C-alpha atoms as a PDB file:
ATOM      1  CA  MET A   1       0.000   0.000   0.000  1.00  0.00           C
ATOM      2  CA  ALA A   2       1.372   3.401  -0.994  1.00  0.00           C
ATOM      3  CA  ILE A   3       0.758   6.542   0.971  1.00  0.00           C
ATOM      4  CA  LEU A   4       0.894   9.676  -1.141  1.00  0.00           C
ATOM      5  CA  GLN A   5       1.891  12.925   0.437  1.00  0.00           C
ATOM      6  CA  ASN A   6       2.563  16.267  -1.202  1.00  0.00           C
ATOM      7  CA  ILE A   7       5.748  17.429   0.490  1.00  0.00           C
ATOM      8  CA  ASN A   8       6.026  20.564  -1.657  1.00  0.00           C
ATOM      9  CA  GLU A   9       2.785  22.287  -0.744  1.00  0.00           C
ATOM     10  CA  ASN A  10       3.149  25.595  -2.594  1.00  0.00           C
ATOM     11  CA  ARG A  11      -0.212  27.106  -1.754  1.00  0.00           C
ATOM     12  CA  LYS A  12      -0.644  30.551  -0.251  1.00  0.00           C
ATOM     13  CA  THR A  13      -3.243  29.312   2.235  1.00  0.00           C
ATOM     14  CA  LYS A  14      -3.487  25.972   4.042  1.00  0.00           C
ATOM     15  CA  ARG A  15      -6.153  23.563   2.792  1.00  0.00           C
ATOM     16  CA  PHE A  16      -8.474  21.647   5.097  1.00  0.00           C
ATOM     17  CA  ASP A  17     -10.217  18.374   4.282  1.00  0.00           C
ATOM     18  CA  VAL A  18     -13.984  18.958   4.448  1.00  0.00           C
ATOM     19  CA  ALA A  19     -17.184  17.530   3.004  1.00  0.00           C
ATOM     20  CA  VAL A  20     -19.608  20.452   3.002  1.00  0.00           C
ATOM     21  CA  PRO A  21     -22.705  20.955   0.830  1.00  0.00           C
ATOM     22  CA  ALA A  22     -22.912  24.181  -1.163  1.00  0.00           C
ATOM     23  CA  GLN A  23     -24.830  25.838  -3.976  1.00  0.00           C
ATOM     24  CA  VAL A  24     -22.793  26.973  -6.997  1.00  0.00           C
ATOM     25  CA  THR A  25     -24.399  29.450  -9.368  1.00  0.00           C
ATOM     26  CA  SER A  26     -23.427  31.475 -12.403  1.00  0.00           C
ATOM     27  CA  PHE A  27     -25.505  33.170 -15.067  1.00  0.00           C
ATOM     28  CA  GLU A  28     -26.772  29.907 -16.620  1.00  0.00           C
ATOM     29  CA  PHE A  29     -25.707  27.320 -14.031  1.00  0.00           C
ATOM     30  CA  SER A  30     -26.991  26.316 -10.609  1.00  0.00           C
ATOM     31  CA  GLU A  31     -26.190  23.069  -8.835  1.00  0.00           C
ATOM     32  CA  LEU A  32     -25.911  21.633  -5.346  1.00  0.00           C
ATOM     33  CA  VAL A  33     -22.297  20.459  -4.938  1.00  0.00           C
ATOM     34  CA  ARG A  34     -19.925  19.042  -2.339  1.00  0.00           C
ATOM     35  CA  VAL A  35     -16.987  21.199  -1.214  1.00  0.00           C
ATOM     36  CA  HIS A  36     -13.572  19.613  -0.492  1.00  0.00           C
ATOM     37  CA  ASP A  37     -10.126  21.014   0.361  1.00  0.00           C
ATOM     38  CA  LEU A  38     -11.377  24.305   1.754  1.00  0.00           C
ATOM     39  CA  SER A  39      -9.026  27.233   2.378  1.00  0.00           C
ATOM     40  CA  ARG A  40      -9.237  31.002   2.638  1.00  0.00           C
ATOM     41  CA  GLY A  41      -8.029  31.190  -0.964  1.00  0.00           C
ATOM     42  CA  GLY A  42     -10.356  28.686  -2.612  1.00  0.00           C
ATOM     43  CA  CYS A  43     -11.753  25.174  -2.588  1.00  0.00           C
ATOM     44  CA  ARG A  44     -12.323  22.052  -4.626  1.00  0.00           C
ATOM     45  CA  ILE A  45     -15.871  21.001  -5.491  1.00  0.00           C
ATOM     46  CA  SER A  46     -17.371  17.864  -7.003  1.00  0.00           C
ATOM     47  CA  CYS A  47     -20.456  18.095  -9.208  1.00  0.00           C
ATOM     48  CA  GLU A  48     -22.127  16.593 -12.263  1.00  0.00           C
ATOM     49  CA  GLY A  49     -22.463  19.803 -14.282  1.00  0.00           C
ATOM     50  CA  SER A  50     -19.922  21.314 -16.649  1.00  0.00           C
ATOM     51  CA  LEU A  51     -18.168  24.605 -16.010  1.00  0.00           C
ATOM     52  CA  PRO A  52     -15.527  26.147 -18.307  1.00  0.00           C
ATOM     53  CA  LEU A  53     -12.145  27.294 -17.025  1.00  0.00           C
ATOM     54  CA  ASP A  54     -12.015  30.929 -15.874  1.00  0.00           C
ATOM     55  CA  LYS A  55     -15.807  30.989 -15.427  1.00  0.00           C
ATOM     56  CA  ILE A  56     -16.891  33.253 -12.567  1.00  0.00           C
ATOM     57  CA  VAL A  57     -19.143  31.403 -10.119  1.00  0.00           C
ATOM     58  CA  HIS A  58     -20.797  32.204  -6.816  1.00  0.00           C
ATOM     59  CA  LEU A  59     -20.512  29.702  -3.981  1.00  0.00           C
ATOM     60  CA  GLU A  60     -22.722  29.524  -0.906  1.00  0.00           C
ATOM     61  CA  LEU A  61     -21.737  26.926   1.687  1.00  0.00           C
ATOM     62  CA  TYR A  62     -24.153  25.323   4.120  1.00  0.00           C
ATOM     63  CA  ILE A  63     -22.634  25.058   7.585  1.00  0.00           C
ATOM     64  CA  PRO A  64     -23.981  23.570  10.803  1.00  0.00           C
ATOM     65  CA  LYS A  65     -25.942  26.061  12.867  1.00  0.00           C
ATOM     66  CA  LEU A  66     -23.938  25.005  15.906  1.00  0.00           C
ATOM     67  CA  ILE A  67     -20.897  26.868  14.547  1.00  0.00           C
ATOM     68  CA  GLN A  68     -22.898  30.014  13.947  1.00  0.00           C
ATOM     69  CA  ASN A  69     -24.950  29.926  17.137  1.00  0.00           C
ATOM     70  CA  ASN A  70     -22.514  28.662  19.757  1.00  0.00           C
ATOM     71  CA  ARG A  71     -23.642  25.021  19.617  1.00  0.00           C
ATOM     72  CA  LYS A  72     -27.249  25.712  20.630  1.00  0.00           C
ATOM     73  CA  SER A  73     -29.085  24.582  17.494  1.00  0.00           C
ATOM     74  CA  LYS A  74     -28.961  21.795  14.927  1.00  0.00           C
ATOM     75  CA  GLY A  75     -29.285  21.678  11.165  1.00  0.00           C
ATOM     76  CA  LEU A  76     -27.616  23.580   8.327  1.00  0.00           C
ATOM     77  CA  MET A  77     -27.653  27.231   7.358  1.00  0.00           C
ATOM     78  CA  LYS A  78     -26.201  29.283   4.510  1.00  0.00           C
ATOM     79  CA  CYS A  79     -22.992  31.022   5.482  1.00  0.00           C
ATOM     80  CA  GLY A  80     -22.839  33.803   2.887  1.00  0.00           C
ATOM     81  CA  MET A  81     -21.943  33.955  -0.778  1.00  0.00           C
ATOM     82  CA  ILE A  82     -18.381  34.200  -2.074  1.00  0.00           C
ATOM     83  CA  SER A  83     -17.313  34.594  -5.705  1.00  0.00           C
ATOM     84  CA  GLY A  84     -14.502  32.776  -7.454  1.00  0.00           C
ATOM     85  CA  LYS A  85     -13.278  31.546 -10.804  1.00  0.00           C
ATOM     86  CA  ILE A  86     -12.844  28.008 -12.058  1.00  0.00           C
ATOM     87  CA  ALA A  87      -9.087  27.348 -11.954  1.00  0.00           C
ATOM     88  CA  PHE A  88      -8.960  23.641 -12.919  1.00  0.00           C
ATOM     89  CA  CYS A  89     -11.160  20.689 -13.847  1.00  0.00           C
ATOM     90  CA  SER A  90     -10.736  16.926 -13.659  1.00  0.00           C
ATOM     91  CA  GLN A  91     -13.170  14.050 -14.152  1.00  0.00           C
ATOM     92  CA  TRP A  92     -13.532  10.842 -12.167  1.00  0.00           C
ATOM     93  CA  GLN A  93     -13.545   7.666 -14.219  1.00  0.00           C
ATOM     94  CA  LEU A  94     -16.810   6.384 -12.740  1.00  0.00           C
ATOM     95  CA  GLY A  95     -20.079   8.254 -12.797  1.00  0.00           C
ATOM     96  CA  GLY A  96     -18.984  11.317 -14.738  1.00  0.00           C
ATOM     97  CA  ILE A  97     -18.513  13.372 -11.577  1.00  0.00           C
ATOM     98  CA  LYS A  98     -16.217  16.319 -12.181  1.00  0.00           C
ATOM     99  CA  GLN A  99     -13.954  18.074  -9.738  1.00  0.00           C
ATOM    100  CA  TYR A 100     -13.310  21.787 -10.063  1.00  0.00           C
ATOM    101  CA  GLY A 101     -10.867  24.034  -8.315  1.00  0.00           C
ATOM    102  CA  ILE A 102     -12.337  27.411  -7.412  1.00  0.00           C
ATOM    103  CA  GLN A 103     -10.022  30.314  -6.665  1.00  0.00           C
ATOM    104  CA  PHE A 104     -11.815  32.950  -4.596  1.00  0.00           C
ATOM    105  CA  LEU A 105     -11.713  36.447  -6.082  1.00  0.00           C
ATOM    106  CA  SER A 106     -11.163  37.890  -2.599  1.00  0.00           C
ATOM    107  CA  GLY A 107     -10.572  36.372   0.803  1.00  0.00           C
ATOM    108  CA  PRO A 108     -13.651  35.704   2.940  1.00  0.00           C
ATOM    109  CA  MET A 109     -14.369  38.267   5.643  1.00  0.00           C
ATOM    110  CA  GLU A 110     -14.014  37.101   9.247  1.00  0.00           C
ATOM    111  CA  PHE A 111     -17.793  36.997   9.757  1.00  0.00           C
ATOM    112  CA  HIS A 112     -18.197  34.668   6.745  1.00  0.00           C
ATOM    113  CA  GLY A 113     -18.691  30.952   7.393  1.00  0.00           C
ATOM    114  CA  ILE A 114     -15.406  29.870   5.786  1.00  0.00           C
ATOM    115  CA  PRO A 115     -13.138  31.319   8.504  1.00  0.00           C
ATOM    116  CA  LYS A 116     -15.512  29.851  11.108  1.00  0.00           C
ATOM    117  CA  ILE A 117     -15.185  26.387   9.545  1.00  0.00           C
ATOM    118  CA  ILE A 118     -11.397  26.740   9.419  1.00  0.00           C
ATOM    119  CA  ARG A 119     -11.229  27.828  13.071  1.00  0.00           C
ATOM    120  CA  GLU A 120     -13.410  24.866  14.082  1.00  0.00           C
ATOM    121  CA  ILE A 121     -11.119  22.473  12.184  1.00  0.00           C
ATOM    122  CA  GLN A 122      -7.997  23.985  13.738  1.00  0.00           C
ATOM    123  CA  GLN A 123      -9.470  23.646  17.232  1.00  0.00           C
ATOM    124  CA  ASN A 124     -10.398  20.010  16.560  1.00  0.00           C
ATOM    125  CA  THR A 125      -6.974  19.323  15.037  1.00  0.00           C
ATOM    126  CA  GLU A 126      -5.385  20.408  18.289  1.00  0.00           C
ATOM    127  CA  ARG A 127      -7.641  17.973  20.179  1.00  0.00           C
ATOM    128  CA  TYR A 128      -7.560  14.998  17.787  1.00  0.00           C
ATOM    129  CA  TYR A 129      -4.598  13.317  16.127  1.00  0.00           C
ATOM    130  CA  PRO A 130      -4.686  12.341  13.359  1.00  0.00           C
ATOM    131  CA  ALA A 131      -6.860  15.234  12.266  1.00  0.00           C
ATOM    132  CA  ILE A 132     -10.483  14.359  11.622  1.00  0.00           C
ATOM    133  CA  ARG A 133     -12.312  15.169   8.401  1.00  0.00           C
ATOM    134  CA  TRP A 134     -14.863  17.932   8.886  1.00  0.00           C
ATOM    135  CA  VAL A 135     -18.270  16.900   7.506  1.00  0.00           C
ATOM    136  CA  ALA A 136     -21.500  18.881   7.414  1.00  0.00           C
END
């Protein structure tokens, strides 16, 4: 069994392994997707639809209410829209699911859900080793 690890991580912002639902929209496209590899600079999504490179899209993540409301409520809520452009595309061999890299046009503000997710992951990473995957 081989374990692959990218030793030369040349990204500006650290990526975090997540599985978060989100809505991606553009002028003629709207689809519920799954977000992976979330960072302050962008994310990777998986979806069935087709998006061209450099296409501007709007992404709205659904995060657990417990992050937003100090762990008092359950369920998911929208965390605010952020815009980005499609930076890469790849396709899985089975099922025609595509993966897209989205580069955010600007960093998310501190009140946005993305920094809240990242803070939650960092707090859990300090408590759990190996780090757990964050799933909404």
